[in-house]
Amino acid sequence: MPYVIVTTLSGEALKFHDEITTKVCNKFKVRRTKLPGHITLKAPFDSDNIDELIDLLEVFANRTKKAPINIEGYGSFRNDVIFMKTTFSKEAKKIYDQLEHLLKTLNWLQWKKNESGERVFHTTIVSKRIKDKFEEIWNYVNDTQCNFNIYF
């Protein structure tokens, strides 16, 4: 069964993400992302049993203090993903590094090549089949200010 590990947006940032995603998808007739506003911490993976992972994440979350994340402006990957730029504070990055190290102790959890090295944290607005509408969507979202502070 496929899984992904994310941290979800909250408050005004989540509301904004939902609104801008809905507007873009309706205006440009593109497909909406399946999950609500989030930052991916571990790319999709398959597992038949994630009980060990759930236990690990619960312990980690209970012993870790929150740290700030800033969401400001927009970015893209190639011409097929448009996202809200997401910057982890030093404290949040340290927490993520600790989480990644802990996750890598699970020998069954597979990591893709693009998951190593410096991560580009982001909150996707639209992706998949937008290449022919990329410039229009890019210009549209950049007419709307995006600036939020949330916690990881």
C-alpha atoms as a PDB file:
ATOM      1  CA  MET A   1       0.000   0.000   0.000  1.00  0.00           C
ATOM      2  CA  PRO A   2       1.385   3.493  -0.836  1.00  0.00           C
ATOM      3  CA  TYR A   3       2.174   6.024   1.913  1.00  0.00           C
ATOM      4  CA  VAL A   4       3.779   9.457   2.184  1.00  0.00           C
ATOM      5  CA  ILE A   5       5.017  11.363   5.239  1.00  0.00           C
ATOM      6  CA  VAL A   6       4.008  15.031   5.352  1.00  0.00           C
ATOM      7  CA  THR A   7       3.566  17.927   7.701  1.00  0.00           C
ATOM      8  CA  THR A   8       0.284  19.657   7.022  1.00  0.00           C
ATOM      9  CA  LEU A   9      -0.293  23.362   6.789  1.00  0.00           C
ATOM     10  CA  SER A  10      -2.588  24.956   9.335  1.00  0.00           C
ATOM     11  CA  GLY A  11      -4.594  28.103   9.932  1.00  0.00           C
ATOM     12  CA  GLU A  12      -4.458  30.880   7.360  1.00  0.00           C
ATOM     13  CA  ALA A  13      -1.712  29.148   5.356  1.00  0.00           C
ATOM     14  CA  LEU A  14      -3.906  26.081   4.847  1.00  0.00           C
ATOM     15  CA  LYS A  15      -6.926  28.231   3.975  1.00  0.00           C
ATOM     16  CA  PHE A  16      -4.860  30.232   1.461  1.00  0.00           C
ATOM     17  CA  HIS A  17      -3.433  27.082  -0.130  1.00  0.00           C
ATOM     18  CA  ASP A  18      -6.900  25.596  -0.540  1.00  0.00           C
ATOM     19  CA  GLU A  19      -8.269  28.816  -2.046  1.00  0.00           C
ATOM     20  CA  ILE A  20      -5.441  29.424  -4.522  1.00  0.00           C
ATOM     21  CA  THR A  21      -5.361  25.756  -5.546  1.00  0.00           C
ATOM     22  CA  THR A  22      -9.117  25.768  -6.123  1.00  0.00           C
ATOM     23  CA  LYS A  23      -8.944  29.003  -8.148  1.00  0.00           C
ATOM     24  CA  VAL A  24      -6.066  27.744 -10.299  1.00  0.00           C
ATOM     25  CA  CYS A  25      -7.660  24.355 -10.937  1.00  0.00           C
ATOM     26  CA  ASN A  26     -11.014  25.868 -11.856  1.00  0.00           C
ATOM     27  CA  LYS A  27      -9.647  28.709 -13.994  1.00  0.00           C
ATOM     28  CA  PHE A  28      -7.111  26.609 -15.909  1.00  0.00           C
ATOM     29  CA  LYS A  29      -8.960  23.275 -15.878  1.00  0.00           C
ATOM     30  CA  VAL A  30      -6.077  21.364 -14.265  1.00  0.00           C
ATOM     31  CA  ARG A  31      -6.130  18.514 -11.797  1.00  0.00           C
ATOM     32  CA  ARG A  32      -6.085  19.225  -8.073  1.00  0.00           C
ATOM     33  CA  THR A  33      -3.570  17.604  -5.725  1.00  0.00           C
ATOM     34  CA  LYS A  34      -5.069  14.761  -3.687  1.00  0.00           C
ATOM     35  CA  LEU A  35      -3.821  15.851  -0.262  1.00  0.00           C
ATOM     36  CA  PRO A  36      -4.633  19.117   1.524  1.00  0.00           C
ATOM     37  CA  GLY A  37      -1.846  21.711   1.807  1.00  0.00           C
ATOM     38  CA  HIS A  38       1.301  19.995   3.061  1.00  0.00           C
ATOM     39  CA  ILE A  39       5.069  19.793   2.939  1.00  0.00           C
ATOM     40  CA  THR A  40       6.373  16.374   1.926  1.00  0.00           C
ATOM     41  CA  LEU A  41       8.926  14.993   4.381  1.00  0.00           C
ATOM     42  CA  LYS A  42       9.290  11.545   2.803  1.00  0.00           C
ATOM     43  CA  ALA A  43       8.312  10.862  -0.791  1.00  0.00           C
ATOM     44  CA  PRO A  44       5.747   8.147  -1.500  1.00  0.00           C
ATOM     45  CA  PHE A  45       6.754   4.598  -0.647  1.00  0.00           C
ATOM     46  CA  ASP A  46       5.045   1.223  -0.435  1.00  0.00           C
ATOM     47  CA  SER A  47       4.656  -0.890   2.675  1.00  0.00           C
ATOM     48  CA  ASP A  48       2.433  -3.692   3.863  1.00  0.00           C
ATOM     49  CA  ASN A  49       2.973  -2.878   7.528  1.00  0.00           C
ATOM     50  CA  ILE A  50       3.703   0.584   8.882  1.00  0.00           C
ATOM     51  CA  ASP A  51       3.079  -0.032  12.587  1.00  0.00           C
ATOM     52  CA  GLU A  52       6.796   0.377  13.355  1.00  0.00           C
ATOM     53  CA  LEU A  53       6.851   3.666  11.433  1.00  0.00           C
ATOM     54  CA  ILE A  54       3.762   4.982  13.211  1.00  0.00           C
ATOM     55  CA  ASP A  55       5.295   4.171  16.605  1.00  0.00           C
ATOM     56  CA  LEU A  56       8.563   5.869  15.609  1.00  0.00           C
ATOM     57  CA  LEU A  57       6.759   9.003  14.415  1.00  0.00           C
ATOM     58  CA  GLU A  58       4.616   9.214  17.569  1.00  0.00           C
ATOM     59  CA  VAL A  59       7.663   9.018  19.840  1.00  0.00           C
ATOM     60  CA  PHE A  60       9.523  11.574  17.717  1.00  0.00           C
ATOM     61  CA  ALA A  61       6.594  14.013  17.653  1.00  0.00           C
ATOM     62  CA  ASN A  62       6.039  13.733  21.409  1.00  0.00           C
ATOM     63  CA  ARG A  63       9.664  14.514  22.263  1.00  0.00           C
ATOM     64  CA  THR A  64      10.235  17.276  19.683  1.00  0.00           C
ATOM     65  CA  LYS A  65       9.393  20.964  20.109  1.00  0.00           C
ATOM     66  CA  LYS A  66       7.896  22.907  17.236  1.00  0.00           C
ATOM     67  CA  ALA A  67      10.056  25.166  15.087  1.00  0.00           C
ATOM     68  CA  PRO A  68       9.190  27.958  12.624  1.00  0.00           C
ATOM     69  CA  ILE A  69       8.717  27.601   8.896  1.00  0.00           C
ATOM     70  CA  ASN A  70       8.199  30.536   6.521  1.00  0.00           C
ATOM     71  CA  ILE A  71       6.091  30.269   3.382  1.00  0.00           C
ATOM     72  CA  GLU A  72       6.686  33.199   1.068  1.00  0.00           C
ATOM     73  CA  GLY A  73       6.297  33.628  -2.654  1.00  0.00           C
ATOM     74  CA  TYR A  74       6.259  31.004  -5.358  1.00  0.00           C
ATOM     75  CA  GLY A  75       8.640  28.671  -7.123  1.00  0.00           C
ATOM     76  CA  SER A  76       8.605  25.931  -9.708  1.00  0.00           C
ATOM     77  CA  PHE A  77      10.269  22.727 -10.795  1.00  0.00           C
ATOM     78  CA  ARG A  78      10.829  22.772 -14.517  1.00  0.00           C
ATOM     79  CA  ASN A  79       7.564  23.813 -16.149  1.00  0.00           C
ATOM     80  CA  ASP A  80       5.340  21.185 -14.558  1.00  0.00           C
ATOM     81  CA  VAL A  81       5.157  22.038 -10.829  1.00  0.00           C
ATOM     82  CA  ILE A  82       4.191  25.359  -9.224  1.00  0.00           C
ATOM     83  CA  PHE A  83       4.534  25.668  -5.470  1.00  0.00           C
ATOM     84  CA  MET A  84       4.575  28.026  -2.511  1.00  0.00           C
ATOM     85  CA  LYS A  85       8.214  28.574  -1.448  1.00  0.00           C
ATOM     86  CA  THR A  86       8.749  26.988   1.941  1.00  0.00           C
ATOM     87  CA  THR A  87      11.796  27.815   4.063  1.00  0.00           C
ATOM     88  CA  PHE A  88      12.665  25.879   7.195  1.00  0.00           C
ATOM     89  CA  SER A  89      14.320  27.839   9.996  1.00  0.00           C
ATOM     90  CA  LYS A  90      17.628  26.460  11.303  1.00  0.00           C
ATOM     91  CA  GLU A  91      15.680  24.830  14.127  1.00  0.00           C
ATOM     92  CA  ALA A  92      13.135  23.254  11.762  1.00  0.00           C
ATOM     93  CA  LYS A  93      15.902  22.010   9.452  1.00  0.00           C
ATOM     94  CA  LYS A  94      17.655  20.422  12.432  1.00  0.00           C
ATOM     95  CA  ILE A  95      14.412  18.670  13.406  1.00  0.00           C
ATOM     96  CA  TYR A  96      13.952  17.428   9.843  1.00  0.00           C
ATOM     97  CA  ASP A  97      17.546  16.141   9.762  1.00  0.00           C
ATOM     98  CA  GLN A  98      16.927  14.257  13.008  1.00  0.00           C
ATOM     99  CA  LEU A  99      13.702  12.799  11.604  1.00  0.00           C
ATOM    100  CA  GLU A 100      15.387  11.749   8.370  1.00  0.00           C
ATOM    101  CA  HIS A 101      18.202  10.068  10.325  1.00  0.00           C
ATOM    102  CA  LEU A 102      15.632   8.227  12.432  1.00  0.00           C
ATOM    103  CA  LEU A 103      13.617   7.160   9.378  1.00  0.00           C
ATOM    104  CA  LYS A 104      16.757   5.776   7.767  1.00  0.00           C
ATOM    105  CA  THR A 105      17.082   3.315  10.654  1.00  0.00           C
ATOM    106  CA  LEU A 106      14.094   1.512   9.137  1.00  0.00           C
ATOM    107  CA  ASN A 107      15.928  -0.737   6.689  1.00  0.00           C
ATOM    108  CA  TRP A 108      12.752  -1.516   4.727  1.00  0.00           C
ATOM    109  CA  LEU A 109      12.035   2.159   3.991  1.00  0.00           C
ATOM    110  CA  GLN A 110      13.359   2.942   0.513  1.00  0.00           C
ATOM    111  CA  TRP A 111      14.808   6.344  -0.402  1.00  0.00           C
ATOM    112  CA  LYS A 112      14.953   7.770  -3.908  1.00  0.00           C
ATOM    113  CA  LYS A 113      18.017   9.543  -5.320  1.00  0.00           C
ATOM    114  CA  ASN A 114      16.277  12.942  -5.228  1.00  0.00           C
ATOM    115  CA  GLU A 115      15.650  12.536  -1.494  1.00  0.00           C
ATOM    116  CA  SER A 116      19.321  12.777  -0.589  1.00  0.00           C
ATOM    117  CA  GLY A 117      21.317  15.951  -0.189  1.00  0.00           C
ATOM    118  CA  GLU A 118      19.803  19.388   0.184  1.00  0.00           C
ATOM    119  CA  ARG A 119      16.011  19.228   0.116  1.00  0.00           C
ATOM    120  CA  VAL A 120      13.832  21.817  -1.589  1.00  0.00           C
ATOM    121  CA  PHE A 121      10.896  22.005   0.782  1.00  0.00           C
ATOM    122  CA  HIS A 122       7.772  23.283  -0.918  1.00  0.00           C
ATOM    123  CA  THR A 123       3.980  23.258  -0.891  1.00  0.00           C
ATOM    124  CA  THR A 124       2.643  22.218  -4.292  1.00  0.00           C
ATOM    125  CA  ILE A 125      -0.228  24.201  -5.756  1.00  0.00           C
ATOM    126  CA  VAL A 126      -0.454  22.335  -9.076  1.00  0.00           C
ATOM    127  CA  SER A 127       1.532  19.754 -10.968  1.00  0.00           C
ATOM    128  CA  LYS A 128       1.032  17.138 -13.657  1.00  0.00           C
ATOM    129  CA  ARG A 129      -0.041  18.071 -17.150  1.00  0.00           C
ATOM    130  CA  ILE A 130       0.365  21.842 -16.771  1.00  0.00           C
ATOM    131  CA  LYS A 131       3.259  22.392 -19.209  1.00  0.00           C
ATOM    132  CA  ASP A 132       1.069  23.973 -21.881  1.00  0.00           C
ATOM    133  CA  LYS A 133      -0.531  26.295 -19.284  1.00  0.00           C
ATOM    134  CA  PHE A 134       2.536  26.866 -17.102  1.00  0.00           C
ATOM    135  CA  GLU A 135       3.215  30.518 -18.032  1.00  0.00           C
ATOM    136  CA  GLU A 136      -0.422  31.520 -17.574  1.00  0.00           C
ATOM    137  CA  ILE A 137      -0.690  29.781 -14.205  1.00  0.00           C
ATOM    138  CA  TRP A 138       2.696  31.149 -13.109  1.00  0.00           C
ATOM    139  CA  ASN A 139       1.639  34.723 -13.907  1.00  0.00           C
ATOM    140  CA  TYR A 140      -1.736  34.204 -12.224  1.00  0.00           C
ATOM    141  CA  VAL A 141      -0.351  32.964  -8.889  1.00  0.00           C
ATOM    142  CA  ASN A 142       2.349  35.628  -8.822  1.00  0.00           C
ATOM    143  CA  ASP A 143      -0.358  38.300  -8.792  1.00  0.00           C
ATOM    144  CA  THR A 144      -1.319  37.073  -5.300  1.00  0.00           C
ATOM    145  CA  GLN A 145       0.850  37.725  -2.264  1.00  0.00           C
ATOM    146  CA  CYS A 146       1.857  34.652  -0.291  1.00  0.00           C
ATOM    147  CA  ASN A 147       3.482  35.112   3.134  1.00  0.00           C
ATOM    148  CA  PHE A 148       2.812  32.892   6.149  1.00  0.00           C
ATOM    149  CA  ASN A 149       4.581  31.707   9.251  1.00  0.00           C
ATOM    150  CA  ILE A 150       3.721  28.221  10.497  1.00  0.00           C
ATOM    151  CA  TYR A 151       5.351  25.595  12.694  1.00  0.00           C
ATOM    152  CA  PHE A 152       6.907  22.208  12.028  1.00  0.00           C
END
